[in-house]
Amino acid sequence: TASGEPDQGPQVRIISGLVITFPPGTSEQDQVAARQAAAAALRESPAIREAYTWDELLSETDDQRPYFGAFRRSFHPDRSPDVVFVPHDTVLITNMDRETSHGTPHPFDSHVPLIFAGPSIAPGRHAERVRTVDIAPTLAAILGVRPMGTVDGRVLEEVGGRR
């Protein structure tokens, strides 16, 4: 500020989305409005394909926008950013000098090889879709142990994991 005092408005950080730290006492209505304004501004950027607010991801609406379902499935109200966004597939947003990650939902970034190797693994190539949650039950089956509790994934029997 001009007076040299720190600004008491919201502070914004980018950590797998926009994390807005609101000053104490900010009303829920003002927080929702700020998230909506941030998402709208991101959608206006030529670098951003879509943006979703914390409130949209928490809602029960059946949103058909691209990637909304993927972001909703990974959403956690206590840990998710205030606004998540999807850059266009030709845009890389990173704070790393020489590295990147598999941080976008675009197929070239999220479809990566999954390799199993070892004496109990059946040789072969498989093109079907698998999910990261399939790794633990498959390894458990290969090792002959039962997972503790309920597991989200399935056993990839085609690589040698037998039930």
N, C-alpha and C. Protein backbone atom coordinates (compact mmCIF):
# COMPACT_ATOMS: atom_id res chain seq x y z
N THR A 1 0.84 -1.19 0.00
CA THR A 1 0.00 0.00 0.00
C THR A 1 0.87 1.23 0.00
N ALA A 2 0.26 2.38 -0.28
CA ALA A 2 1.00 3.65 -0.33
C ALA A 2 1.54 4.02 1.03
N SER A 3 0.87 3.61 2.10
CA SER A 3 1.31 3.96 3.44
C SER A 3 2.46 3.08 3.92
N GLY A 4 2.81 2.05 3.13
CA GLY A 4 3.88 1.16 3.53
C GLY A 4 3.41 0.01 4.40
N GLU A 5 2.13 0.01 4.76
CA GLU A 5 1.58 -1.08 5.56
C GLU A 5 1.24 -2.25 4.64
N PRO A 6 1.33 -3.47 5.15
CA PRO A 6 1.01 -4.61 4.31
C PRO A 6 -0.46 -4.58 3.88
N ASP A 7 -0.70 -5.01 2.64
CA ASP A 7 -2.06 -5.10 2.12
C ASP A 7 -2.82 -6.16 2.90
N GLN A 8 -4.03 -5.85 3.34
CA GLN A 8 -4.82 -6.78 4.13
C GLN A 8 -5.80 -7.57 3.28
N GLY A 9 -5.70 -7.46 1.94
CA GLY A 9 -6.58 -8.19 1.06
C GLY A 9 -6.16 -9.64 0.93
N PRO A 10 -6.90 -10.41 0.14
CA PRO A 10 -6.56 -11.82 -0.06
C PRO A 10 -5.17 -11.97 -0.66
N GLN A 11 -4.48 -13.01 -0.25
CA GLN A 11 -3.18 -13.36 -0.80
C GLN A 11 -3.37 -14.57 -1.69
N VAL A 12 -2.75 -14.59 -2.87
CA VAL A 12 -2.95 -15.67 -3.83
C VAL A 12 -1.62 -16.37 -4.09
N ARG A 13 -1.63 -17.69 -4.03
CA ARG A 13 -0.47 -18.51 -4.37
C ARG A 13 -0.92 -19.55 -5.40
N ILE A 14 0.00 -19.98 -6.24
CA ILE A 14 -0.31 -21.05 -7.18
C ILE A 14 0.35 -22.33 -6.69
N ILE A 15 -0.49 -23.28 -6.28
CA ILE A 15 -0.03 -24.59 -5.84
C ILE A 15 -1.05 -25.57 -6.40
N SER A 16 -0.79 -26.13 -7.56
CA SER A 16 -1.72 -27.01 -8.28
C SER A 16 -3.08 -26.36 -8.41
N GLY A 17 -3.08 -25.06 -8.55
CA GLY A 17 -4.30 -24.27 -8.65
C GLY A 17 -4.08 -22.99 -7.87
N LEU A 18 -5.10 -22.16 -7.81
CA LEU A 18 -4.98 -20.93 -7.04
C LEU A 18 -5.41 -21.19 -5.60
N VAL A 19 -4.54 -20.87 -4.68
CA VAL A 19 -4.87 -20.96 -3.26
C VAL A 19 -4.99 -19.53 -2.77
N ILE A 20 -6.18 -19.16 -2.35
CA ILE A 20 -6.42 -17.80 -1.89
C ILE A 20 -6.51 -17.82 -0.37
N THR A 21 -5.65 -17.07 0.27
CA THR A 21 -5.70 -16.96 1.73
C THR A 21 -6.45 -15.68 2.05
N PHE A 22 -7.63 -15.84 2.61
CA PHE A 22 -8.47 -14.70 2.91
C PHE A 22 -8.14 -14.13 4.29
N PRO A 23 -8.24 -12.81 4.43
CA PRO A 23 -8.01 -12.20 5.75
C PRO A 23 -9.07 -12.69 6.74
N PRO A 24 -8.72 -12.77 8.01
CA PRO A 24 -9.72 -13.17 9.02
C PRO A 24 -10.97 -12.29 8.92
N GLY A 25 -12.11 -12.91 9.07
CA GLY A 25 -13.36 -12.17 9.04
C GLY A 25 -13.97 -12.00 7.67
N THR A 26 -13.31 -12.49 6.62
CA THR A 26 -13.89 -12.39 5.28
C THR A 26 -15.12 -13.27 5.21
N SER A 27 -16.22 -12.72 4.80
CA SER A 27 -17.48 -13.47 4.77
C SER A 27 -17.41 -14.58 3.73
N GLU A 28 -18.21 -15.61 3.93
CA GLU A 28 -18.29 -16.71 2.97
C GLU A 28 -18.75 -16.19 1.61
N GLN A 29 -19.67 -15.25 1.62
CA GLN A 29 -20.18 -14.66 0.38
C GLN A 29 -19.04 -13.97 -0.38
N ASP A 30 -18.20 -13.22 0.32
CA ASP A 30 -17.06 -12.56 -0.32
C ASP A 30 -16.04 -13.57 -0.83
N GLN A 31 -15.85 -14.67 -0.10
CA GLN A 31 -14.92 -15.71 -0.55
C GLN A 31 -15.42 -16.37 -1.83
N VAL A 32 -16.72 -16.68 -1.88
CA VAL A 32 -17.31 -17.28 -3.08
C VAL A 32 -17.15 -16.32 -4.26
N ALA A 33 -17.44 -15.04 -4.02
CA ALA A 33 -17.33 -14.04 -5.09
C ALA A 33 -15.89 -13.92 -5.59
N ALA A 34 -14.92 -13.98 -4.68
CA ALA A 34 -13.52 -13.88 -5.08
C ALA A 34 -13.10 -15.10 -5.90
N ARG A 35 -13.54 -16.29 -5.49
CA ARG A 35 -13.22 -17.49 -6.27
C ARG A 35 -13.85 -17.42 -7.65
N GLN A 36 -15.09 -16.96 -7.73
CA GLN A 36 -15.77 -16.83 -9.03
C GLN A 36 -15.05 -15.82 -9.92
N ALA A 37 -14.64 -14.71 -9.34
CA ALA A 37 -13.94 -13.68 -10.12
C ALA A 37 -12.59 -14.20 -10.61
N ALA A 38 -11.88 -14.94 -9.76
CA ALA A 38 -10.58 -15.49 -10.17
C ALA A 38 -10.77 -16.49 -11.31
N ALA A 39 -11.77 -17.37 -11.19
CA ALA A 39 -12.02 -18.35 -12.25
C ALA A 39 -12.42 -17.65 -13.55
N ALA A 40 -13.24 -16.63 -13.46
CA ALA A 40 -13.67 -15.89 -14.66
C ALA A 40 -12.46 -15.23 -15.32
N ALA A 41 -11.58 -14.64 -14.52
CA ALA A 41 -10.39 -14.00 -15.08
C ALA A 41 -9.48 -15.03 -15.75
N LEU A 42 -9.34 -16.21 -15.13
CA LEU A 42 -8.52 -17.26 -15.73
C LEU A 42 -9.12 -17.71 -17.06
N ARG A 43 -10.43 -17.85 -17.12
CA ARG A 43 -11.09 -18.29 -18.37
C ARG A 43 -10.89 -17.28 -19.50
N GLU A 44 -10.64 -16.03 -19.17
CA GLU A 44 -10.39 -15.00 -20.18
C GLU A 44 -8.97 -15.07 -20.74
N SER A 45 -8.08 -15.76 -20.04
CA SER A 45 -6.69 -15.85 -20.48
C SER A 45 -6.58 -16.78 -21.69
N PRO A 46 -5.81 -16.40 -22.70
CA PRO A 46 -5.61 -17.28 -23.84
C PRO A 46 -4.83 -18.55 -23.48
N ALA A 47 -4.19 -18.57 -22.33
CA ALA A 47 -3.41 -19.74 -21.91
C ALA A 47 -4.27 -20.79 -21.20
N ILE A 48 -5.46 -20.40 -20.76
CA ILE A 48 -6.28 -21.28 -19.91
C ILE A 48 -7.49 -21.80 -20.68
N ARG A 49 -7.66 -23.11 -20.63
CA ARG A 49 -8.82 -23.72 -21.30
C ARG A 49 -10.06 -23.65 -20.42
N GLU A 50 -9.91 -23.92 -19.12
CA GLU A 50 -11.06 -23.93 -18.23
C GLU A 50 -10.58 -23.73 -16.80
N ALA A 51 -11.49 -23.25 -15.95
CA ALA A 51 -11.20 -23.08 -14.53
C ALA A 51 -12.44 -23.47 -13.75
N TYR A 52 -12.22 -24.06 -12.59
CA TYR A 52 -13.31 -24.52 -11.73
C TYR A 52 -13.07 -24.03 -10.31
N THR A 53 -14.11 -23.55 -9.68
CA THR A 53 -13.96 -23.07 -8.30
C THR A 53 -14.17 -24.20 -7.31
N TRP A 54 -13.68 -23.98 -6.11
CA TRP A 54 -13.87 -24.90 -4.99
C TRP A 54 -15.36 -25.15 -4.80
N ASP A 55 -16.16 -24.09 -4.92
CA ASP A 55 -17.61 -24.20 -4.70
C ASP A 55 -18.26 -25.07 -5.77
N GLU A 56 -17.82 -24.92 -7.02
CA GLU A 56 -18.38 -25.73 -8.11
C GLU A 56 -18.04 -27.20 -7.91
N LEU A 57 -16.82 -27.48 -7.51
CA LEU A 57 -16.40 -28.86 -7.31
C LEU A 57 -17.10 -29.50 -6.12
N LEU A 58 -17.44 -28.71 -5.14
CA LEU A 58 -18.14 -29.21 -3.96
C LEU A 58 -19.63 -29.44 -4.22
N SER A 59 -20.17 -28.73 -5.18
CA SER A 59 -21.62 -28.79 -5.44
C SER A 59 -22.01 -30.15 -6.03
N GLU A 60 -23.30 -30.39 -6.04
CA GLU A 60 -23.83 -31.64 -6.58
C GLU A 60 -24.25 -31.51 -8.04
N THR A 61 -23.93 -30.41 -8.69
CA THR A 61 -24.36 -30.20 -10.06
C THR A 61 -23.66 -31.18 -11.01
N ASP A 62 -24.32 -31.50 -12.09
CA ASP A 62 -23.77 -32.38 -13.11
C ASP A 62 -23.15 -31.51 -14.20
N ASP A 63 -21.93 -31.08 -13.97
CA ASP A 63 -21.25 -30.17 -14.88
C ASP A 63 -20.59 -30.97 -16.00
N GLN A 64 -20.84 -30.61 -17.23
CA GLN A 64 -20.32 -31.34 -18.38
C GLN A 64 -19.09 -30.68 -19.02
N ARG A 65 -18.54 -29.65 -18.37
CA ARG A 65 -17.35 -29.02 -18.94
C ARG A 65 -16.20 -30.01 -18.97
N PRO A 66 -15.29 -29.84 -19.93
CA PRO A 66 -14.16 -30.77 -20.04
C PRO A 66 -13.36 -30.86 -18.73
N TYR A 67 -13.06 -32.06 -18.33
CA TYR A 67 -12.21 -32.35 -17.17
C TYR A 67 -12.86 -32.08 -15.82
N PHE A 68 -14.09 -31.58 -15.79
CA PHE A 68 -14.73 -31.30 -14.51
C PHE A 68 -14.81 -32.55 -13.65
N GLY A 69 -15.22 -33.66 -14.25
CA GLY A 69 -15.34 -34.91 -13.50
C GLY A 69 -14.03 -35.36 -12.90
N ALA A 70 -12.95 -35.22 -13.65
CA ALA A 70 -11.63 -35.61 -13.13
C ALA A 70 -11.24 -34.76 -11.93
N PHE A 71 -11.48 -33.45 -12.02
CA PHE A 71 -11.15 -32.58 -10.89
C PHE A 71 -12.06 -32.87 -9.71
N ARG A 72 -13.32 -33.17 -9.96
CA ARG A 72 -14.23 -33.47 -8.85
C ARG A 72 -13.79 -34.75 -8.14
N ARG A 73 -13.37 -35.75 -8.88
CA ARG A 73 -12.96 -37.01 -8.25
C ARG A 73 -11.72 -36.83 -7.38
N SER A 74 -10.87 -35.86 -7.68
CA SER A 74 -9.68 -35.64 -6.86
C SER A 74 -9.87 -34.51 -5.84
N PHE A 75 -11.06 -33.98 -5.76
CA PHE A 75 -11.35 -32.85 -4.88
C PHE A 75 -11.48 -33.30 -3.43
N HIS A 76 -10.89 -32.53 -2.52
CA HIS A 76 -11.07 -32.72 -1.07
C HIS A 76 -11.27 -31.34 -0.47
N PRO A 77 -12.39 -31.10 0.20
CA PRO A 77 -12.70 -29.74 0.67
C PRO A 77 -11.66 -29.14 1.61
N ASP A 78 -10.93 -29.97 2.33
CA ASP A 78 -9.94 -29.44 3.27
C ASP A 78 -8.57 -29.21 2.64
N ARG A 79 -8.33 -29.78 1.45
CA ARG A 79 -6.99 -29.69 0.87
C ARG A 79 -6.94 -29.12 -0.54
N SER A 80 -8.07 -29.02 -1.21
CA SER A 80 -8.07 -28.58 -2.59
C SER A 80 -7.95 -27.06 -2.70
N PRO A 81 -7.36 -26.59 -3.78
CA PRO A 81 -7.23 -25.14 -3.98
C PRO A 81 -8.59 -24.47 -4.15
N ASP A 82 -8.60 -23.16 -4.05
CA ASP A 82 -9.83 -22.38 -4.23
C ASP A 82 -10.28 -22.39 -5.68
N VAL A 83 -9.33 -22.41 -6.61
CA VAL A 83 -9.63 -22.47 -8.04
C VAL A 83 -8.60 -23.39 -8.68
N VAL A 84 -9.08 -24.36 -9.44
CA VAL A 84 -8.18 -25.19 -10.25
C VAL A 84 -8.40 -24.83 -11.70
N PHE A 85 -7.36 -24.99 -12.50
CA PHE A 85 -7.50 -24.59 -13.89
C PHE A 85 -6.77 -25.57 -14.79
N VAL A 86 -7.19 -25.60 -16.05
CA VAL A 86 -6.61 -26.45 -17.07
C VAL A 86 -5.98 -25.54 -18.12
N PRO A 87 -4.66 -25.57 -18.27
CA PRO A 87 -4.07 -24.79 -19.35
C PRO A 87 -4.38 -25.44 -20.70
N HIS A 88 -4.30 -24.68 -21.76
CA HIS A 88 -4.43 -25.27 -23.08
C HIS A 88 -3.29 -26.27 -23.27
N ASP A 89 -3.47 -27.21 -24.16
CA ASP A 89 -2.48 -28.28 -24.29
C ASP A 89 -1.14 -27.82 -24.83
N THR A 90 -1.03 -26.60 -25.30
CA THR A 90 0.27 -26.08 -25.76
C THR A 90 0.93 -25.19 -24.72
N VAL A 91 0.37 -25.14 -23.53
CA VAL A 91 0.86 -24.24 -22.48
C VAL A 91 1.39 -25.05 -21.30
N LEU A 92 2.56 -24.70 -20.81
CA LEU A 92 3.12 -25.31 -19.61
C LEU A 92 3.25 -24.23 -18.55
N ILE A 93 2.61 -24.44 -17.44
CA ILE A 93 2.70 -23.51 -16.31
C ILE A 93 3.47 -24.23 -15.21
N THR A 94 4.63 -23.71 -14.89
CA THR A 94 5.46 -24.37 -13.88
C THR A 94 6.30 -23.33 -13.15
N ASN A 95 6.72 -23.70 -11.96
CA ASN A 95 7.66 -22.85 -11.22
C ASN A 95 9.02 -23.53 -11.11
N MET A 96 9.22 -24.58 -11.91
CA MET A 96 10.48 -25.31 -11.91
C MET A 96 11.33 -24.87 -13.10
N ASP A 97 12.62 -24.73 -12.88
CA ASP A 97 13.51 -24.26 -13.94
C ASP A 97 13.74 -25.30 -15.03
N ARG A 98 13.94 -26.55 -14.65
CA ARG A 98 14.34 -27.56 -15.63
C ARG A 98 13.47 -28.81 -15.58
N GLU A 99 12.40 -28.77 -14.88
CA GLU A 99 11.59 -29.96 -14.71
C GLU A 99 10.15 -29.69 -15.09
N THR A 100 9.41 -30.74 -15.22
CA THR A 100 7.98 -30.64 -15.43
C THR A 100 7.32 -31.80 -14.67
N SER A 101 6.06 -31.98 -14.87
CA SER A 101 5.36 -33.05 -14.16
C SER A 101 4.23 -33.55 -15.05
N HIS A 102 3.51 -34.51 -14.55
CA HIS A 102 2.30 -34.98 -15.22
C HIS A 102 1.13 -34.29 -14.52
N GLY A 103 1.10 -32.98 -14.62
CA GLY A 103 0.16 -32.21 -13.84
C GLY A 103 -1.06 -31.70 -14.57
N THR A 104 -1.24 -32.06 -15.84
CA THR A 104 -2.44 -31.63 -16.53
C THR A 104 -3.27 -32.86 -16.88
N PRO A 105 -4.54 -32.66 -17.14
CA PRO A 105 -5.38 -33.80 -17.51
C PRO A 105 -5.34 -34.13 -19.00
N HIS A 106 -4.50 -33.44 -19.78
CA HIS A 106 -4.42 -33.72 -21.21
C HIS A 106 -3.87 -35.13 -21.43
N PRO A 107 -4.37 -35.83 -22.44
CA PRO A 107 -3.94 -37.22 -22.67
C PRO A 107 -2.42 -37.38 -22.78
N PHE A 108 -1.73 -36.48 -23.45
CA PHE A 108 -0.27 -36.63 -23.59
C PHE A 108 0.45 -36.51 -22.26
N ASP A 109 -0.19 -35.92 -21.28
CA ASP A 109 0.42 -35.69 -19.98
C ASP A 109 -0.04 -36.70 -18.94
N SER A 110 -1.21 -37.25 -19.13
CA SER A 110 -1.76 -38.16 -18.12
C SER A 110 -1.73 -39.62 -18.55
N HIS A 111 -1.49 -39.90 -19.81
CA HIS A 111 -1.37 -41.28 -20.27
C HIS A 111 0.10 -41.64 -20.33
N VAL A 112 0.54 -42.33 -19.33
CA VAL A 112 1.96 -42.68 -19.22
C VAL A 112 2.08 -44.20 -19.11
N PRO A 113 3.23 -44.75 -19.47
CA PRO A 113 3.38 -46.21 -19.40
C PRO A 113 3.37 -46.70 -17.95
N LEU A 114 2.82 -47.87 -17.78
CA LEU A 114 2.85 -48.56 -16.50
C LEU A 114 3.54 -49.89 -16.76
N ILE A 115 4.65 -50.13 -16.10
CA ILE A 115 5.46 -51.30 -16.39
C ILE A 115 5.56 -52.18 -15.16
N PHE A 116 5.25 -53.44 -15.34
CA PHE A 116 5.45 -54.46 -14.31
C PHE A 116 6.51 -55.40 -14.82
N ALA A 117 7.44 -55.80 -13.98
CA ALA A 117 8.48 -56.75 -14.38
C ALA A 117 8.79 -57.67 -13.22
N GLY A 118 9.10 -58.92 -13.53
CA GLY A 118 9.46 -59.87 -12.49
C GLY A 118 9.04 -61.27 -12.88
N PRO A 119 9.45 -62.25 -12.07
CA PRO A 119 9.18 -63.65 -12.44
C PRO A 119 7.69 -64.01 -12.47
N SER A 120 6.86 -63.31 -11.75
CA SER A 120 5.43 -63.63 -11.73
C SER A 120 4.63 -62.83 -12.75
N ILE A 121 5.31 -62.03 -13.54
CA ILE A 121 4.63 -61.15 -14.49
C ILE A 121 4.56 -61.81 -15.85
N ALA A 122 3.36 -61.85 -16.41
CA ALA A 122 3.17 -62.40 -17.76
C ALA A 122 3.71 -61.40 -18.77
N PRO A 123 4.56 -61.85 -19.71
CA PRO A 123 5.07 -60.91 -20.71
C PRO A 123 3.95 -60.46 -21.65
N GLY A 124 4.07 -59.25 -22.13
CA GLY A 124 3.10 -58.75 -23.09
C GLY A 124 2.89 -57.26 -22.99
N ARG A 125 2.18 -56.75 -23.97
CA ARG A 125 1.80 -55.33 -24.01
C ARG A 125 0.28 -55.27 -23.96
N HIS A 126 -0.23 -54.33 -23.21
CA HIS A 126 -1.68 -54.18 -23.05
C HIS A 126 -2.03 -52.72 -23.24
N ALA A 127 -3.00 -52.44 -24.07
CA ALA A 127 -3.35 -51.06 -24.39
C ALA A 127 -4.56 -50.55 -23.61
N GLU A 128 -5.19 -51.40 -22.81
CA GLU A 128 -6.38 -50.95 -22.11
C GLU A 128 -6.04 -49.93 -21.02
N ARG A 129 -7.04 -49.17 -20.67
CA ARG A 129 -6.86 -48.11 -19.67
C ARG A 129 -6.79 -48.72 -18.28
N VAL A 130 -5.80 -48.28 -17.53
CA VAL A 130 -5.70 -48.64 -16.12
C VAL A 130 -5.55 -47.35 -15.32
N ARG A 131 -5.75 -47.47 -14.04
CA ARG A 131 -5.65 -46.29 -13.17
C ARG A 131 -4.60 -46.55 -12.10
N THR A 132 -4.09 -45.49 -11.53
CA THR A 132 -3.07 -45.66 -10.49
C THR A 132 -3.61 -46.48 -9.32
N VAL A 133 -4.90 -46.42 -9.05
CA VAL A 133 -5.47 -47.19 -7.93
C VAL A 133 -5.47 -48.69 -8.22
N ASP A 134 -5.16 -49.09 -9.45
CA ASP A 134 -5.08 -50.51 -9.79
C ASP A 134 -3.73 -51.12 -9.41
N ILE A 135 -2.73 -50.30 -9.13
CA ILE A 135 -1.39 -50.82 -8.84
C ILE A 135 -1.35 -51.60 -7.54
N ALA A 136 -1.89 -51.05 -6.46
CA ALA A 136 -1.82 -51.72 -5.15
C ALA A 136 -2.54 -53.07 -5.15
N PRO A 137 -3.77 -53.17 -5.65
CA PRO A 137 -4.40 -54.50 -5.63
C PRO A 137 -3.70 -55.50 -6.54
N THR A 138 -3.09 -55.03 -7.62
CA THR A 138 -2.36 -55.94 -8.51
C THR A 138 -1.11 -56.45 -7.82
N LEU A 139 -0.35 -55.57 -7.19
CA LEU A 139 0.85 -56.01 -6.47
C LEU A 139 0.49 -56.94 -5.32
N ALA A 140 -0.59 -56.65 -4.63
CA ALA A 140 -1.03 -57.52 -3.54
C ALA A 140 -1.35 -58.91 -4.07
N ALA A 141 -2.05 -58.98 -5.21
CA ALA A 141 -2.39 -60.28 -5.80
C ALA A 141 -1.13 -61.03 -6.22
N ILE A 142 -0.18 -60.34 -6.83
CA ILE A 142 1.07 -60.97 -7.26
C ILE A 142 1.83 -61.52 -6.06
N LEU A 143 1.82 -60.78 -4.96
CA LEU A 143 2.53 -61.19 -3.75
C LEU A 143 1.75 -62.19 -2.91
N GLY A 144 0.48 -62.40 -3.27
CA GLY A 144 -0.35 -63.35 -2.54
C GLY A 144 -0.83 -62.84 -1.20
N VAL A 145 -0.96 -61.53 -1.07
CA VAL A 145 -1.47 -60.96 0.17
C VAL A 145 -2.79 -60.24 -0.10
N ARG A 146 -3.58 -60.09 0.94
CA ARG A 146 -4.85 -59.39 0.80
C ARG A 146 -4.68 -57.95 1.26
N PRO A 147 -5.19 -56.99 0.48
CA PRO A 147 -5.13 -55.60 0.92
C PRO A 147 -5.92 -55.41 2.22
N MET A 148 -5.46 -54.51 3.04
CA MET A 148 -6.19 -54.18 4.27
C MET A 148 -7.32 -53.23 3.91
N GLY A 149 -8.52 -53.61 4.21
CA GLY A 149 -9.66 -52.73 3.97
C GLY A 149 -10.09 -52.73 2.51
N THR A 150 -10.96 -51.79 2.20
CA THR A 150 -11.50 -51.67 0.86
C THR A 150 -10.49 -50.98 -0.06
N VAL A 151 -10.38 -51.47 -1.28
CA VAL A 151 -9.46 -50.91 -2.26
C VAL A 151 -10.28 -50.40 -3.44
N ASP A 152 -9.94 -49.21 -3.94
CA ASP A 152 -10.67 -48.63 -5.07
C ASP A 152 -10.36 -49.31 -6.39
N GLY A 153 -9.17 -49.77 -6.56
CA GLY A 153 -8.75 -50.30 -7.86
C GLY A 153 -9.13 -51.75 -8.07
N ARG A 154 -8.70 -52.28 -9.21
CA ARG A 154 -8.95 -53.67 -9.57
C ARG A 154 -7.63 -54.37 -9.81
N VAL A 155 -7.64 -55.69 -9.71
CA VAL A 155 -6.46 -56.49 -10.00
C VAL A 155 -6.29 -56.56 -11.51
N LEU A 156 -5.11 -56.24 -11.99
CA LEU A 156 -4.81 -56.32 -13.42
C LEU A 156 -4.36 -57.75 -13.72
N GLU A 157 -5.33 -58.61 -13.90
CA GLU A 157 -5.05 -60.04 -14.09
C GLU A 157 -4.21 -60.31 -15.33
N GLU A 158 -4.33 -59.43 -16.34
CA GLU A 158 -3.60 -59.64 -17.58
C GLU A 158 -2.08 -59.52 -17.43
N VAL A 159 -1.59 -58.91 -16.32
CA VAL A 159 -0.14 -58.81 -16.12
C VAL A 159 0.37 -59.88 -15.15
N GLY A 160 -0.51 -60.72 -14.68
CA GLY A 160 -0.08 -61.80 -13.82
C GLY A 160 -0.68 -61.73 -12.43
N GLY A 161 -1.43 -60.69 -12.15
CA GLY A 161 -2.10 -60.62 -10.86
C GLY A 161 -3.31 -61.52 -10.87
N ARG A 162 -3.30 -62.58 -10.11
CA ARG A 162 -4.42 -63.54 -10.06
C ARG A 162 -5.16 -63.33 -8.76
N ARG A 163 -6.45 -63.41 -8.81
CA ARG A 163 -7.28 -63.27 -7.59
C ARG A 163 -7.21 -64.51 -6.76
